[in-house]
C-alpha atoms as a PDB file:
ATOM      1  CA  MET A   1      32.538  43.551 -50.254  1.00  0.00           C
ATOM      2  CA  ILE A   2      34.810  41.183 -48.423  1.00  0.00           C
ATOM      3  CA  GLU A   3      34.379  43.155 -45.176  1.00  0.00           C
ATOM      4  CA  GLN A   4      30.661  43.000 -45.494  1.00  0.00           C
ATOM      5  CA  LYS A   5      30.787  39.312 -46.125  1.00  0.00           C
ATOM      6  CA  ALA A   6      33.014  38.826 -43.047  1.00  0.00           C
ATOM      7  CA  GLU A   7      30.611  40.981 -41.054  1.00  0.00           C
ATOM      8  CA  ASN A   8      27.581  38.893 -42.122  1.00  0.00           C
ATOM      9  CA  THR A   9      29.410  35.692 -41.286  1.00  0.00           C
ATOM     10  CA  LYS A  10      30.058  37.003 -37.858  1.00  0.00           C
ATOM     11  CA  LYS A  11      26.386  38.074 -37.402  1.00  0.00           C
ATOM     12  CA  ASN A  12      25.298  34.705 -38.618  1.00  0.00           C
ATOM     13  CA  LYS A  13      27.541  32.937 -36.113  1.00  0.00           C
ATOM     14  CA  THR A  14      26.151  35.120 -33.320  1.00  0.00           C
ATOM     15  CA  VAL A  15      22.482  34.305 -34.291  1.00  0.00           C
ATOM     16  CA  LEU A  16      23.350  30.653 -34.536  1.00  0.00           C
ATOM     17  CA  THR A  17      25.022  30.666 -31.031  1.00  0.00           C
ATOM     18  CA  LYS A  18      21.920  32.392 -29.569  1.00  0.00           C
ATOM     19  CA  LEU A  19      19.569  29.950 -31.246  1.00  0.00           C
ATOM     20  CA  ILE A  20      21.569  26.937 -29.886  1.00  0.00           C
ATOM     21  CA  LEU A  21      21.517  28.472 -26.435  1.00  0.00           C
ATOM     22  CA  ILE A  22      17.704  28.926 -26.697  1.00  0.00           C
ATOM     23  CA  VAL A  23      17.281  25.272 -27.739  1.00  0.00           C
ATOM     24  CA  PHE A  24      19.380  24.012 -24.894  1.00  0.00           C
ATOM     25  CA  GLY A  25      17.468  26.381 -22.507  1.00  0.00           C
ATOM     26  CA  MET A  26      14.061  25.067 -23.720  1.00  0.00           C
ATOM     27  CA  PHE A  27      15.242  21.485 -23.440  1.00  0.00           C
ATOM     28  CA  GLY A  28      16.418  22.123 -19.786  1.00  0.00           C
ATOM     29  CA  PHE A  29      13.180  23.930 -19.006  1.00  0.00           C
ATOM     30  CA  GLY A  30      11.194  20.901 -20.318  1.00  0.00           C
ATOM     31  CA  PHE A  31      12.991  18.701 -17.831  1.00  0.00           C
ATOM     32  CA  ALA A  32      12.352  21.144 -14.984  1.00  0.00           C
ATOM     33  CA  LEU A  33       8.742  21.364 -15.565  1.00  0.00           C
ATOM     34  CA  VAL A  34       7.898  18.083 -13.915  1.00  0.00           C
ATOM     35  CA  PRO A  35       9.392  18.861 -10.551  1.00  0.00           C
ATOM     36  CA  LEU A  36       8.170  22.522 -10.820  1.00  0.00           C
ATOM     37  CA  TYR A  37       4.564  21.136 -11.570  1.00  0.00           C
ATOM     38  CA  ASP A  38       4.873  18.803  -8.570  1.00  0.00           C
ATOM     39  CA  VAL A  39       5.870  21.700  -6.209  1.00  0.00           C
ATOM     40  CA  PHE A  40       3.135  23.892  -7.556  1.00  0.00           C
ATOM     41  CA  CYS A  41       0.468  21.171  -7.026  1.00  0.00           C
ATOM     42  CA  ASP A  42       1.769  20.470  -3.468  1.00  0.00           C
ATOM     43  CA  ILE A  43       1.524  24.125  -2.646  1.00  0.00           C
ATOM     44  CA  THR A  44      -1.903  24.736  -4.116  1.00  0.00           C
ATOM     45  CA  GLY A  45      -3.368  21.270  -3.446  1.00  0.00           C
ATOM     46  CA  LEU A  46      -4.580  21.036  -7.008  1.00  0.00           C
ATOM     47  CA  ASN A  47      -2.914  17.684  -7.869  1.00  0.00           C
ATOM     48  CA  GLY A  48      -5.769  15.256  -6.886  1.00  0.00           C
ATOM     49  CA  LYS A  49      -3.182  12.984  -5.278  1.00  0.00           C
ATOM     50  CA  THR A  50      -4.200  11.108  -2.176  1.00  0.00           C
ATOM     51  CA  ASN A  51      -2.089   9.869   0.646  1.00  0.00           C
ATOM     52  CA  GLU A  52       0.395   7.171  -0.500  1.00  0.00           C
ATOM     53  CA  THR A  53       0.516   5.474   2.882  1.00  0.00           C
ATOM     54  CA  ALA A  54      -2.131   4.415   5.368  1.00  0.00           C
ATOM     55  CA  ALA A  55      -3.797   7.133   7.425  1.00  0.00           C
ATOM     56  CA  SER A  56      -4.763   6.545  10.916  1.00  0.00           C
ATOM     57  CA  TYR A  57      -8.336   7.380  11.809  1.00  0.00           C
ATOM     58  CA  SER A  58      -8.178  10.835  13.452  1.00  0.00           C
ATOM     59  CA  ALA A  59     -11.482  12.430  12.643  1.00  0.00           C
ATOM     60  CA  SER A  60     -12.952  14.290  15.589  1.00  0.00           C
ATOM     61  CA  GLY A  61     -16.356  12.623  15.041  1.00  0.00           C
ATOM     62  CA  VAL A  62     -18.964  11.959  12.423  1.00  0.00           C
ATOM     63  CA  ASP A  63     -20.730  14.982  10.999  1.00  0.00           C
ATOM     64  CA  THR A  64     -24.274  13.582  10.628  1.00  0.00           C
ATOM     65  CA  SER A  65     -25.603  16.904   9.461  1.00  0.00           C
ATOM     66  CA  ARG A  66     -24.189  16.436   6.008  1.00  0.00           C
ATOM     67  CA  THR A  67     -23.506  13.827   3.418  1.00  0.00           C
ATOM     68  CA  VAL A  68     -20.914  13.385   0.751  1.00  0.00           C
ATOM     69  CA  ASN A  69     -21.374  11.201  -2.437  1.00  0.00           C
ATOM     70  CA  VAL A  70     -18.183   9.237  -3.158  1.00  0.00           C
ATOM     71  CA  GLN A  71     -17.936   7.884  -6.661  1.00  0.00           C
ATOM     72  CA  PHE A  72     -15.534   5.120  -7.672  1.00  0.00           C
ATOM     73  CA  ILE A  73     -14.001   4.940 -11.192  1.00  0.00           C
ATOM     74  CA  SER A  74     -11.526   2.388 -12.459  1.00  0.00           C
ATOM     75  CA  ARG A  75      -9.362   2.467 -15.555  1.00  0.00           C
ATOM     76  CA  MET A  76      -6.687   0.355 -17.031  1.00  0.00           C
ATOM     77  CA  SER A  77      -3.543   1.564 -18.721  1.00  0.00           C
ATOM     78  CA  GLN A  78      -3.174   0.451 -22.288  1.00  0.00           C
ATOM     79  CA  GLY A  79      -2.246  -3.201 -22.726  1.00  0.00           C
ATOM     80  CA  ILE A  80      -3.089  -4.651 -19.309  1.00  0.00           C
ATOM     81  CA  PRO A  81      -5.442  -7.568 -19.889  1.00  0.00           C
ATOM     82  CA  TRP A  82      -7.345  -7.315 -16.573  1.00  0.00           C
ATOM     83  CA  LYS A  83     -10.912  -6.788 -15.642  1.00  0.00           C
ATOM     84  CA  PHE A  84     -10.835  -4.078 -12.888  1.00  0.00           C
ATOM     85  CA  GLU A  85     -13.882  -2.400 -11.413  1.00  0.00           C
ATOM     86  CA  PRO A  86     -15.458  -1.203  -8.255  1.00  0.00           C
ATOM     87  CA  ILE A  87     -18.161  -3.480  -6.711  1.00  0.00           C
ATOM     88  CA  GLN A  88     -20.065  -0.370  -5.724  1.00  0.00           C
ATOM     89  CA  ARG A  89     -19.770   2.667  -8.085  1.00  0.00           C
ATOM     90  CA  GLU A  90     -21.077   5.242  -5.580  1.00  0.00           C
ATOM     91  CA  ILE A  91     -21.862   5.414  -1.839  1.00  0.00           C
ATOM     92  CA  THR A  92     -23.033   8.194   0.463  1.00  0.00           C
ATOM     93  CA  VAL A  93     -20.973   8.937   3.629  1.00  0.00           C
ATOM     94  CA  HIS A  94     -21.144  11.342   6.480  1.00  0.00           C
ATOM     95  CA  PRO A  95     -17.840  13.165   6.857  1.00  0.00           C
ATOM     96  CA  GLY A  96     -15.760  11.366   9.601  1.00  0.00           C
ATOM     97  CA  GLU A  97     -17.532   8.055   9.069  1.00  0.00           C
ATOM     98  CA  VAL A  98     -15.262   5.137   8.205  1.00  0.00           C
ATOM     99  CA  LYS A  99     -16.448   3.123   5.179  1.00  0.00           C
ATOM    100  CA  PHE A 100     -15.129  -0.080   3.418  1.00  0.00           C
ATOM    101  CA  VAL A 101     -15.611  -0.806  -0.274  1.00  0.00           C
ATOM    102  CA  THR A 102     -14.195  -3.431  -2.531  1.00  0.00           C
ATOM    103  CA  PHE A 103     -12.856  -3.573  -6.120  1.00  0.00           C
ATOM    104  CA  TYR A 104     -12.936  -6.640  -8.353  1.00  0.00           C
ATOM    105  CA  ALA A 105      -9.869  -7.657 -10.411  1.00  0.00           C
ATOM    106  CA  LYS A 106      -9.292 -10.542 -12.680  1.00  0.00           C
ATOM    107  CA  ASN A 107      -6.204 -11.293 -14.764  1.00  0.00           C
ATOM    108  CA  GLU A 108      -7.628 -12.380 -18.010  1.00  0.00           C
ATOM    109  CA  SER A 109      -4.382 -13.239 -19.656  1.00  0.00           C
ATOM    110  CA  ASP A 110      -2.413 -16.537 -19.924  1.00  0.00           C
ATOM    111  CA  ARG A 111       0.466 -15.305 -17.801  1.00  0.00           C
ATOM    112  CA  ALA A 112       1.003 -13.926 -14.316  1.00  0.00           C
ATOM    113  CA  ILE A 113       0.842 -10.107 -14.145  1.00  0.00           C
ATOM    114  CA  VAL A 114       1.642  -7.743 -11.315  1.00  0.00           C
ATOM    115  CA  GLY A 115      -0.665  -4.697 -11.191  1.00  0.00           C
ATOM    116  CA  GLN A 116      -0.397  -1.353  -9.341  1.00  0.00           C
ATOM    117  CA  ALA A 117      -3.368   0.928  -8.845  1.00  0.00           C
ATOM    118  CA  VAL A 118      -2.617   4.625  -8.727  1.00  0.00           C
ATOM    119  CA  PRO A 119      -5.393   6.761  -7.242  1.00  0.00           C
ATOM    120  CA  SER A 120      -6.526  10.232  -8.047  1.00  0.00           C
ATOM    121  CA  VAL A 121      -9.282  12.290  -6.414  1.00  0.00           C
ATOM    122  CA  SER A 122     -11.479  14.902  -8.078  1.00  0.00           C
ATOM    123  CA  PRO A 123     -12.019  17.720  -7.308  1.00  0.00           C
ATOM    124  CA  GLY A 124      -8.220  18.114  -6.602  1.00  0.00           C
ATOM    125  CA  LEU A 125      -8.981  20.187  -3.510  1.00  0.00           C
ATOM    126  CA  ALA A 126     -10.786  17.190  -1.928  1.00  0.00           C
ATOM    127  CA  ALA A 127      -7.713  14.925  -2.191  1.00  0.00           C
ATOM    128  CA  ALA A 128      -6.359  16.376   1.129  1.00  0.00           C
ATOM    129  CA  TYR A 129      -9.617  15.420   2.845  1.00  0.00           C
ATOM    130  CA  PHE A 130      -9.977  11.780   1.429  1.00  0.00           C
ATOM    131  CA  GLN A 131      -8.108   9.618   3.945  1.00  0.00           C
ATOM    132  CA  LYS A 132      -7.314   5.984   3.032  1.00  0.00           C
ATOM    133  CA  ILE A 133      -6.860   3.801   6.125  1.00  0.00           C
ATOM    134  CA  GLU A 134      -6.334   0.561   4.165  1.00  0.00           C
ATOM    135  CA  CYS A 135      -5.933   0.383   0.335  1.00  0.00           C
ATOM    136  CA  PHE A 136      -4.909  -2.156  -2.187  1.00  0.00           C
ATOM    137  CA  CYS A 137      -3.176   0.738  -3.948  1.00  0.00           C
ATOM    138  CA  PHE A 138      -0.453   0.759  -1.191  1.00  0.00           C
ATOM    139  CA  THR A 139       0.967  -2.512  -2.536  1.00  0.00           C
ATOM    140  CA  GLN A 140       1.453  -4.203  -5.902  1.00  0.00           C
ATOM    141  CA  GLN A 141      -1.141  -6.881  -6.808  1.00  0.00           C
ATOM    142  CA  PRO A 142       0.328 -10.046  -8.368  1.00  0.00           C
ATOM    143  CA  LEU A 143      -2.340 -12.190 -10.079  1.00  0.00           C
ATOM    144  CA  LYS A 144      -1.749 -15.522 -11.798  1.00  0.00           C
ATOM    145  CA  SER A 145      -3.351 -16.335 -15.212  1.00  0.00           C
ATOM    146  CA  ASN A 146      -7.157 -16.103 -14.732  1.00  0.00           C
ATOM    147  CA  GLU A 147      -6.937 -15.427 -11.055  1.00  0.00           C
ATOM    148  CA  GLU A 148      -9.439 -13.187  -9.518  1.00  0.00           C
ATOM    149  CA  VAL A 149      -9.618 -11.245  -6.281  1.00  0.00           C
ATOM    150  CA  GLU A 150     -11.641  -8.665  -4.445  1.00  0.00           C
ATOM    151  CA  MET A 151      -9.460  -5.820  -3.030  1.00  0.00           C
ATOM    152  CA  GLY A 152     -10.521  -3.620  -0.147  1.00  0.00           C
ATOM    153  CA  LEU A 153     -10.398   0.062   0.445  1.00  0.00           C
ATOM    154  CA  GLN A 154     -11.122   1.492   3.952  1.00  0.00           C
ATOM    155  CA  PHE A 155     -11.404   5.258   4.055  1.00  0.00           C
ATOM    156  CA  TYR A 156     -13.121   8.307   5.611  1.00  0.00           C
ATOM    157  CA  VAL A 157     -13.690  11.812   4.411  1.00  0.00           C
ATOM    158  CA  ASP A 158     -12.372  14.353   6.793  1.00  0.00           C
ATOM    159  CA  PRO A 159     -15.079  16.432   8.438  1.00  0.00           C
ATOM    160  CA  GLU A 160     -12.981  19.546   7.480  1.00  0.00           C
ATOM    161  CA  LEU A 161     -13.910  18.980   3.810  1.00  0.00           C
ATOM    162  CA  PRO A 162     -15.204  22.326   2.505  1.00  0.00           C
ATOM    163  CA  GLU A 163     -18.943  22.650   2.655  1.00  0.00           C
ATOM    164  CA  ASP A 164     -19.267  23.359  -1.050  1.00  0.00           C
ATOM    165  CA  ILE A 165     -17.911  19.994  -2.000  1.00  0.00           C
ATOM    166  CA  SER A 166     -20.751  17.421  -1.960  1.00  0.00           C
ATOM    167  CA  THR A 167     -19.335  14.801  -4.442  1.00  0.00           C
ATOM    168  CA  VAL A 168     -15.884  13.294  -4.410  1.00  0.00           C
ATOM    169  CA  THR A 169     -14.700  10.992  -7.222  1.00  0.00           C
ATOM    170  CA  LEU A 170     -11.898   8.480  -6.559  1.00  0.00           C
ATOM    171  CA  SER A 171     -10.388   7.136  -9.735  1.00  0.00           C
ATOM    172  CA  TYR A 172      -7.912   4.302  -9.893  1.00  0.00           C
ATOM    173  CA  THR A 173      -5.753   3.637 -12.927  1.00  0.00           C
ATOM    174  CA  LEU A 174      -4.251   0.151 -12.986  1.00  0.00           C
ATOM    175  CA  TYR A 175      -0.785  -0.287 -14.499  1.00  0.00           C
ATOM    176  CA  ASP A 176       1.221  -3.419 -15.453  1.00  0.00           C
ATOM    177  CA  VAL A 177       4.369  -3.258 -13.293  1.00  0.00           C
ATOM    178  CA  THR A 178       5.400  -6.898 -13.866  1.00  0.00           C
ATOM    179  CA  GLY A 179       8.952  -5.940 -14.879  1.00  0.00           C
ATOM    180  CA  LYS A 180       9.244  -3.425 -11.991  1.00  0.00           C
ATOM    181  CA  VAL A 181       8.206  -5.597  -9.045  1.00  0.00           C
ATOM    182  CA  ASP A 182       9.218  -4.370  -5.535  1.00  0.00           C
ATOM    183  CA  SER A 183      11.761  -6.453  -3.829  1.00  0.00           C
END
């Protein structure tokens, strides 16, 4: 009886050790998912991320034989008291054609706030073909209380955009980065 109890205790410790190792393994895997996801998205082009720095205009010409609808969507992260919206919600472009659009922003709070717009393109495959030459999203946007501004976006859709993509949606999410201002 005592031997069986000792054997059960030993088995319980083995099971407990294995469970603890599994928990730590799962915890570590959870942390590894973010960089693994980024690598996967970079390889497959499914992330919807656009260029984070200005692109130079390098299109080989304008493809007037086709058009692409470009839609603009704006969102605000929770708690940022701004009005933020595209002046034009949709435009039609020829691939390779440079276009300029503006977004309106107003700080509706009683304090200065620094905003940062983060872009995303849908479908994700189109992100590699959406080239921003000039964008308010490249820098943080400080606005004083009740200050308003129109912010510009100059872009082109690369003529190499796959033929089956006829609509591209550019979405901006605006975040309050007041405590994290670039130096």
